[in-house]
Amino acid sequence: MERDGQLQLYGVLAARLKQAHLRVANPEVPDGTRRELSRRLLAVTAVAKHDLADAARRLDVLTAELDELGIPDR
């Protein structure tokens, strides 16, 4: 049962990471900002391999920053 919950969390996190990557790839994002955000997304992806809850928290912070920067969903 726990394994099913973990797989579901993986699916949710993967969908959120995909959306974040699409937002960062927005052509309106300056190159330097895009590089930094991409680096952070890769770090979140790496953390997800070992600790889904920590990765989700990190992604929450990054998503909030994308919102503050005004980077729209695509």
PDB file of N, CA and C in Angstrom:
ATOM      1  N   MET A   1       0.827  -1.189   0.000  1.00  0.00           N
ATOM      2  CA  MET A   1       0.000   0.000   0.000  1.00  0.00           C
ATOM      3  C   MET A   1       0.873   1.256   0.000  1.00  0.00           C
ATOM      4  N   GLU A   2       1.919   1.263   0.827  1.00  0.00           N
ATOM      5  CA  GLU A   2       2.798   2.432   0.884  1.00  0.00           C
ATOM      6  C   GLU A   2       3.461   2.669  -0.473  1.00  0.00           C
ATOM      7  N   ARG A   3       3.817   1.613  -1.141  1.00  0.00           N
ATOM      8  CA  ARG A   3       4.454   1.720  -2.462  1.00  0.00           C
ATOM      9  C   ARG A   3       3.534   2.424  -3.455  1.00  0.00           C
ATOM     10  N   ASP A   4       2.243   2.127  -3.418  1.00  0.00           N
ATOM     11  CA  ASP A   4       1.288   2.780  -4.313  1.00  0.00           C
ATOM     12  C   ASP A   4       1.226   4.281  -4.046  1.00  0.00           C
ATOM     13  N   GLY A   5       1.244   4.663  -2.779  1.00  0.00           N
ATOM     14  CA  GLY A   5       1.236   6.082  -2.423  1.00  0.00           C
ATOM     15  C   GLY A   5       2.487   6.780  -2.911  1.00  0.00           C
ATOM     16  N   GLN A   6       3.618   6.098  -2.805  1.00  0.00           N
ATOM     17  CA  GLN A   6       4.875   6.674  -3.259  1.00  0.00           C
ATOM     18  C   GLN A   6       4.870   6.837  -4.780  1.00  0.00           C
ATOM     19  N   LEU A   7       4.350   5.859  -5.482  1.00  0.00           N
ATOM     20  CA  LEU A   7       4.261   5.966  -6.937  1.00  0.00           C
ATOM     21  C   LEU A   7       3.350   7.113  -7.351  1.00  0.00           C
ATOM     22  N   GLN A   8       2.265   7.287  -6.616  1.00  0.00           N
ATOM     23  CA  GLN A   8       1.352   8.385  -6.912  1.00  0.00           C
ATOM     24  C   GLN A   8       2.045   9.723  -6.670  1.00  0.00           C
ATOM     25  N   LEU A   9       2.800   9.834  -5.563  1.00  0.00           N
ATOM     26  CA  LEU A   9       3.545  11.065  -5.281  1.00  0.00           C
ATOM     27  C   LEU A   9       4.575  11.328  -6.369  1.00  0.00           C
ATOM     28  N   TYR A  10       5.251  10.281  -6.838  1.00  0.00           N
ATOM     29  CA  TYR A  10       6.192  10.430  -7.950  1.00  0.00           C
ATOM     30  C   TYR A  10       5.497  11.015  -9.169  1.00  0.00           C
ATOM     31  N   GLY A  11       4.310  10.505  -9.480  1.00  0.00           N
ATOM     32  CA  GLY A  11       3.568  10.996 -10.639  1.00  0.00           C
ATOM     33  C   GLY A  11       3.198  12.459 -10.507  1.00  0.00           C
ATOM     34  N   VAL A  12       2.741  12.846  -9.324  1.00  0.00           N
ATOM     35  CA  VAL A  12       2.376  14.246  -9.075  1.00  0.00           C
ATOM     36  C   VAL A  12       3.610  15.132  -9.186  1.00  0.00           C
ATOM     37  N   LEU A  13       4.696  14.697  -8.557  1.00  0.00           N
ATOM     38  CA  LEU A  13       5.928  15.492  -8.588  1.00  0.00           C
ATOM     39  C   LEU A  13       6.473  15.597 -10.012  1.00  0.00           C
ATOM     40  N   ALA A  14       6.409  14.509 -10.758  1.00  0.00           N
ATOM     41  CA  ALA A  14       6.890  14.534 -12.143  1.00  0.00           C
ATOM     42  C   ALA A  14       6.088  15.519 -12.986  1.00  0.00           C
ATOM     43  N   ALA A  15       4.781  15.542 -12.807  1.00  0.00           N
ATOM     44  CA  ALA A  15       3.938  16.481 -13.558  1.00  0.00           C
ATOM     45  C   ALA A  15       4.269  17.924 -13.177  1.00  0.00           C
ATOM     46  N   ARG A  16       4.499  18.166 -11.896  1.00  0.00           N
ATOM     47  CA  ARG A  16       4.842  19.522 -11.443  1.00  0.00           C
ATOM     48  C   ARG A  16       6.212  19.945 -11.970  1.00  0.00           C
ATOM     49  N   LEU A  17       7.168  19.023 -11.981  1.00  0.00           N
ATOM     50  CA  LEU A  17       8.496  19.336 -12.527  1.00  0.00           C
ATOM     51  C   LEU A  17       8.409  19.647 -14.016  1.00  0.00           C
ATOM     52  N   LYS A  18       7.610  18.882 -14.723  1.00  0.00           N
ATOM     53  CA  LYS A  18       7.431  19.124 -16.160  1.00  0.00           C
ATOM     54  C   LYS A  18       6.864  20.522 -16.392  1.00  0.00           C
ATOM     55  N   GLN A  19       5.862  20.909 -15.604  1.00  0.00           N
ATOM     56  CA  GLN A  19       5.269  22.232 -15.731  1.00  0.00           C
ATOM     57  C   GLN A  19       6.296  23.312 -15.407  1.00  0.00           C
ATOM     58  N   ALA A  20       7.092  23.097 -14.372  1.00  0.00           N
ATOM     59  CA  ALA A  20       8.122  24.076 -14.005  1.00  0.00           C
ATOM     60  C   ALA A  20       9.154  24.226 -15.125  1.00  0.00           C
ATOM     61  N   HIS A  21       9.547  23.107 -15.727  1.00  0.00           N
ATOM     62  CA  HIS A  21      10.504  23.167 -16.839  1.00  0.00           C
ATOM     63  C   HIS A  21       9.919  23.956 -18.011  1.00  0.00           C
ATOM     64  N   LEU A  22       8.645  23.765 -18.286  1.00  0.00           N
ATOM     65  CA  LEU A  22       8.008  24.529 -19.360  1.00  0.00           C
ATOM     66  C   LEU A  22       8.016  26.026 -19.045  1.00  0.00           C
ATOM     67  N   ARG A  23       7.763  26.360 -17.798  1.00  0.00           N
ATOM     68  CA  ARG A  23       7.763  27.781 -17.410  1.00  0.00           C
ATOM     69  C   ARG A  23       9.153  28.379 -17.568  1.00  0.00           C
ATOM     70  N   VAL A  24      10.176  27.650 -17.130  1.00  0.00           N
ATOM     71  CA  VAL A  24      11.552  28.150 -17.215  1.00  0.00           C
ATOM     72  C   VAL A  24      11.992  28.288 -18.667  1.00  0.00           C
ATOM     73  N   ALA A  25      11.494  27.425 -19.538  1.00  0.00           N
ATOM     74  CA  ALA A  25      11.871  27.467 -20.954  1.00  0.00           C
ATOM     75  C   ALA A  25      11.202  28.612 -21.713  1.00  0.00           C
ATOM     76  N   ASN A  26      10.344  29.360 -21.044  1.00  0.00           N
ATOM     77  CA  ASN A  26       9.664  30.492 -21.671  1.00  0.00           C
ATOM     78  C   ASN A  26      10.696  31.436 -22.287  1.00  0.00           C
ATOM     79  N   PRO A  27      10.533  31.786 -23.564  1.00  0.00           N
ATOM     80  CA  PRO A  27      11.515  32.649 -24.234  1.00  0.00           C
ATOM     81  C   PRO A  27      11.638  34.039 -23.605  1.00  0.00           C
ATOM     82  N   GLU A  28      10.674  34.438 -22.813  1.00  0.00           N
ATOM     83  CA  GLU A  28      10.737  35.753 -22.176  1.00  0.00           C
ATOM     84  C   GLU A  28      11.650  35.777 -20.954  1.00  0.00           C
ATOM     85  N   VAL A  29      12.059  34.610 -20.476  1.00  0.00           N
ATOM     86  CA  VAL A  29      12.941  34.529 -19.312  1.00  0.00           C
ATOM     87  C   VAL A  29      14.363  34.844 -19.773  1.00  0.00           C
ATOM     88  N   PRO A  30      15.028  35.820 -19.139  1.00  0.00           N
ATOM     89  CA  PRO A  30      16.405  36.157 -19.523  1.00  0.00           C
ATOM     90  C   PRO A  30      17.334  34.939 -19.379  1.00  0.00           C
ATOM     91  N   ASP A  31      18.349  34.882 -20.228  1.00  0.00           N
ATOM     92  CA  ASP A  31      19.251  33.723 -20.258  1.00  0.00           C
ATOM     93  C   ASP A  31      19.879  33.412 -18.900  1.00  0.00           C
ATOM     94  N   GLY A  32      20.391  34.406 -18.213  1.00  0.00           N
ATOM     95  CA  GLY A  32      21.026  34.170 -16.913  1.00  0.00           C
ATOM     96  C   GLY A  32      20.050  33.606 -15.900  1.00  0.00           C
ATOM     97  N   THR A  33      18.856  34.139 -15.902  1.00  0.00           N
ATOM     98  CA  THR A  33      17.816  33.655 -14.999  1.00  0.00           C
ATOM     99  C   THR A  33      17.428  32.233 -15.366  1.00  0.00           C
ATOM    100  N   ARG A  34      17.304  31.972 -16.650  1.00  0.00           N
ATOM    101  CA  ARG A  34      16.940  30.630 -17.117  1.00  0.00           C
ATOM    102  C   ARG A  34      17.994  29.609 -16.687  1.00  0.00           C
ATOM    103  N   ARG A  35      19.263  29.969 -16.816  1.00  0.00           N
ATOM    104  CA  ARG A  35      20.332  29.046 -16.418  1.00  0.00           C
ATOM    105  C   ARG A  35      20.241  28.716 -14.929  1.00  0.00           C
ATOM    106  N   GLU A  36      20.053  29.731 -14.101  1.00  0.00           N
ATOM    107  CA  GLU A  36      19.966  29.526 -12.656  1.00  0.00           C
ATOM    108  C   GLU A  36      18.745  28.680 -12.296  1.00  0.00           C
ATOM    109  N   LEU A  37      17.606  28.990 -12.884  1.00  0.00           N
ATOM    110  CA  LEU A  37      16.400  28.229 -12.600  1.00  0.00           C
ATOM    111  C   LEU A  37      16.523  26.785 -13.096  1.00  0.00           C
ATOM    112  N   SER A  38      17.140  26.592 -14.234  1.00  0.00           N
ATOM    113  CA  SER A  38      17.357  25.243 -14.760  1.00  0.00           C
ATOM    114  C   SER A  38      18.261  24.436 -13.834  1.00  0.00           C
ATOM    115  N   ARG A  39      19.295  25.079 -13.319  1.00  0.00           N
ATOM    116  CA  ARG A  39      20.200  24.413 -12.388  1.00  0.00           C
ATOM    117  C   ARG A  39      19.430  23.961 -11.142  1.00  0.00           C
ATOM    118  N   ARG A  40      18.576  24.822 -10.640  1.00  0.00           N
ATOM    119  CA  ARG A  40      17.793  24.489  -9.452  1.00  0.00           C
ATOM    120  C   ARG A  40      16.787  23.378  -9.734  1.00  0.00           C
ATOM    121  N   LEU A  41      16.190  23.388 -10.925  1.00  0.00           N
ATOM    122  CA  LEU A  41      15.263  22.313 -11.293  1.00  0.00           C
ATOM    123  C   LEU A  41      15.984  20.969 -11.375  1.00  0.00           C
ATOM    124  N   LEU A  42      17.188  20.975 -11.902  1.00  0.00           N
ATOM    125  CA  LEU A  42      17.967  19.737 -11.955  1.00  0.00           C
ATOM    126  C   LEU A  42      18.283  19.234 -10.552  1.00  0.00           C
ATOM    127  N   ALA A  43      18.563  20.169  -9.635  1.00  0.00           N
ATOM    128  CA  ALA A  43      18.830  19.782  -8.251  1.00  0.00           C
ATOM    129  C   ALA A  43      17.582  19.154  -7.617  1.00  0.00           C
ATOM    130  N   VAL A  44      16.426  19.733  -7.870  1.00  0.00           N
ATOM    131  CA  VAL A  44      15.176  19.176  -7.339  1.00  0.00           C
ATOM    132  C   VAL A  44      14.952  17.776  -7.911  1.00  0.00           C
ATOM    133  N   THR A  45      15.223  17.614  -9.185  1.00  0.00           N
ATOM    134  CA  THR A  45      15.063  16.307  -9.826  1.00  0.00           C
ATOM    135  C   THR A  45      15.995  15.274  -9.187  1.00  0.00           C
ATOM    136  N   ALA A  46      17.224  15.676  -8.901  1.00  0.00           N
ATOM    137  CA  ALA A  46      18.177  14.769  -8.260  1.00  0.00           C
ATOM    138  C   ALA A  46      17.719  14.391  -6.855  1.00  0.00           C
ATOM    139  N   VAL A  47      17.210  15.355  -6.114  1.00  0.00           N
ATOM    140  CA  VAL A  47      16.724  15.084  -4.760  1.00  0.00           C
ATOM    141  C   VAL A  47      15.532  14.130  -4.800  1.00  0.00           C
ATOM    142  N   ALA A  48      14.709  14.246  -5.828  1.00  0.00           N
ATOM    143  CA  ALA A  48      13.514  13.401  -5.943  1.00  0.00           C
ATOM    144  C   ALA A  48      13.872  11.917  -6.006  1.00  0.00           C
ATOM    145  N   LYS A  49      15.061  11.602  -6.438  1.00  0.00           N
ATOM    146  CA  LYS A  49      15.476  10.201  -6.513  1.00  0.00           C
ATOM    147  C   LYS A  49      15.653   9.585  -5.128  1.00  0.00           C
ATOM    148  N   HIS A  50      15.860  10.447  -4.112  1.00  0.00           N
ATOM    149  CA  HIS A  50      16.157   9.947  -2.775  1.00  0.00           C
ATOM    150  C   HIS A  50      15.131  10.361  -1.716  1.00  0.00           C
ATOM    151  N   ASP A  51      14.484  11.523  -1.931  1.00  0.00           N
ATOM    152  CA  ASP A  51      13.587  12.055  -0.904  1.00  0.00           C
ATOM    153  C   ASP A  51      12.474  12.865  -1.573  1.00  0.00           C
ATOM    154  N   LEU A  52      11.354  12.206  -1.810  1.00  0.00           N
ATOM    155  CA  LEU A  52      10.250  12.844  -2.520  1.00  0.00           C
ATOM    156  C   LEU A  52       9.695  14.042  -1.754  1.00  0.00           C
ATOM    157  N   ALA A  53       9.587  13.928  -0.446  1.00  0.00           N
ATOM    158  CA  ALA A  53       9.021  15.023   0.352  1.00  0.00           C
ATOM    159  C   ALA A  53       9.911  16.258   0.278  1.00  0.00           C
ATOM    160  N   ASP A  54      11.219  16.085   0.371  1.00  0.00           N
ATOM    161  CA  ASP A  54      12.141  17.219   0.275  1.00  0.00           C
ATOM    162  C   ASP A  54      12.086  17.830  -1.120  1.00  0.00           C
ATOM    163  N   ALA A  55      12.019  16.991  -2.126  1.00  0.00           N
ATOM    164  CA  ALA A  55      11.925  17.499  -3.499  1.00  0.00           C
ATOM    165  C   ALA A  55      10.645  18.312  -3.684  1.00  0.00           C
ATOM    166  N   ALA A  56       9.550  17.837  -3.128  1.00  0.00           N
ATOM    167  CA  ALA A  56       8.287  18.567  -3.241  1.00  0.00           C
ATOM    168  C   ALA A  56       8.383  19.926  -2.546  1.00  0.00           C
ATOM    169  N   ARG A  57       9.017  19.973  -1.370  1.00  0.00           N
ATOM    170  CA  ARG A  57       9.195  21.252  -0.664  1.00  0.00           C
ATOM    171  C   ARG A  57      10.049  22.207  -1.487  1.00  0.00           C
ATOM    172  N   ARG A  58      11.148  21.692  -2.038  1.00  0.00           N
ATOM    173  CA  ARG A  58      12.029  22.540  -2.854  1.00  0.00           C
ATOM    174  C   ARG A  58      11.293  23.056  -4.089  1.00  0.00           C
ATOM    175  N   LEU A  59      10.486  22.200  -4.680  1.00  0.00           N
ATOM    176  CA  LEU A  59       9.734  22.609  -5.862  1.00  0.00           C
ATOM    177  C   LEU A  59       8.683  23.655  -5.495  1.00  0.00           C
ATOM    178  N   ASP A  60       8.091  23.538  -4.318  1.00  0.00           N
ATOM    179  CA  ASP A  60       7.147  24.567  -3.849  1.00  0.00           C
ATOM    180  C   ASP A  60       7.828  25.933  -3.781  1.00  0.00           C
ATOM    181  N   VAL A  61       9.029  25.964  -3.228  1.00  0.00           N
ATOM    182  CA  VAL A  61       9.783  27.220  -3.118  1.00  0.00           C
ATOM    183  C   VAL A  61      10.094  27.768  -4.507  1.00  0.00           C
ATOM    184  N   LEU A  62      10.560  26.905  -5.389  1.00  0.00           N
ATOM    185  CA  LEU A  62      10.908  27.341  -6.736  1.00  0.00           C
ATOM    186  C   LEU A  62       9.683  27.818  -7.507  1.00  0.00           C
ATOM    187  N   THR A  63       8.569  27.120  -7.359  1.00  0.00           N
ATOM    188  CA  THR A  63       7.334  27.525  -8.030  1.00  0.00           C
ATOM    189  C   THR A  63       6.869  28.888  -7.529  1.00  0.00           C
ATOM    190  N   ALA A  64       6.989  29.116  -6.234  1.00  0.00           N
ATOM    191  CA  ALA A  64       6.629  30.430  -5.676  1.00  0.00           C
ATOM    192  C   ALA A  64       7.511  31.517  -6.265  1.00  0.00           C
ATOM    193  N   GLU A  65       8.780  31.212  -6.445  1.00  0.00           N
ATOM    194  CA  GLU A  65       9.695  32.191  -7.047  1.00  0.00           C
ATOM    195  C   GLU A  65       9.321  32.461  -8.507  1.00  0.00           C
ATOM    196  N   LEU A  66       8.942  31.426  -9.239  1.00  0.00           N
ATOM    197  CA  LEU A  66       8.502  31.624 -10.620  1.00  0.00           C
ATOM    198  C   LEU A  66       7.280  32.533 -10.654  1.00  0.00           C
ATOM    199  N   ASP A  67       6.372  32.328  -9.705  1.00  0.00           N
ATOM    200  CA  ASP A  67       5.188  33.172  -9.606  1.00  0.00           C
ATOM    201  C   ASP A  67       5.575  34.621  -9.320  1.00  0.00           C
ATOM    202  N   GLU A  68       6.508  34.825  -8.391  1.00  0.00           N
ATOM    203  CA  GLU A  68       6.965  36.171  -8.045  1.00  0.00           C
ATOM    204  C   GLU A  68       7.643  36.866  -9.233  1.00  0.00           C
ATOM    205  N   LEU A  69       8.367  36.081 -10.022  1.00  0.00           N
ATOM    206  CA  LEU A  69       9.040  36.642 -11.199  1.00  0.00           C
ATOM    207  C   LEU A  69       8.063  36.912 -12.328  1.00  0.00           C
ATOM    208  N   GLY A  70       6.843  36.433 -12.177  1.00  0.00           N
ATOM    209  CA  GLY A  70       5.830  36.664 -13.224  1.00  0.00           C
ATOM    210  C   GLY A  70       5.988  35.767 -14.422  1.00  0.00           C
ATOM    211  N   ILE A  71       6.624  34.625 -14.224  1.00  0.00           N
ATOM    212  CA  ILE A  71       6.796  33.681 -15.327  1.00  0.00           C
ATOM    213  C   ILE A  71       5.510  32.862 -15.435  1.00  0.00           C
ATOM    214  N   PRO A  72       4.772  33.029 -16.527  1.00  0.00           N
ATOM    215  CA  PRO A  72       3.455  32.385 -16.638  1.00  0.00           C
ATOM    216  C   PRO A  72       3.535  30.888 -16.919  1.00  0.00           C
ATOM    217  N   ASP A  73       2.439  30.198 -16.568  1.00  0.00           N
ATOM    218  CA  ASP A  73       2.286  28.799 -16.974  1.00  0.00           C
ATOM    219  C   ASP A  73       2.109  28.783 -18.484  1.00  0.00           C
ATOM    220  N   ARG A  74       2.542  27.704 -19.108  1.00  0.00           N
ATOM    221  CA  ARG A  74       2.393  27.600 -20.562  1.00  0.00           C
ATOM    222  C   ARG A  74       1.352  26.601 -20.913  1.00  0.00           C
TER     223      ARG A  74
END
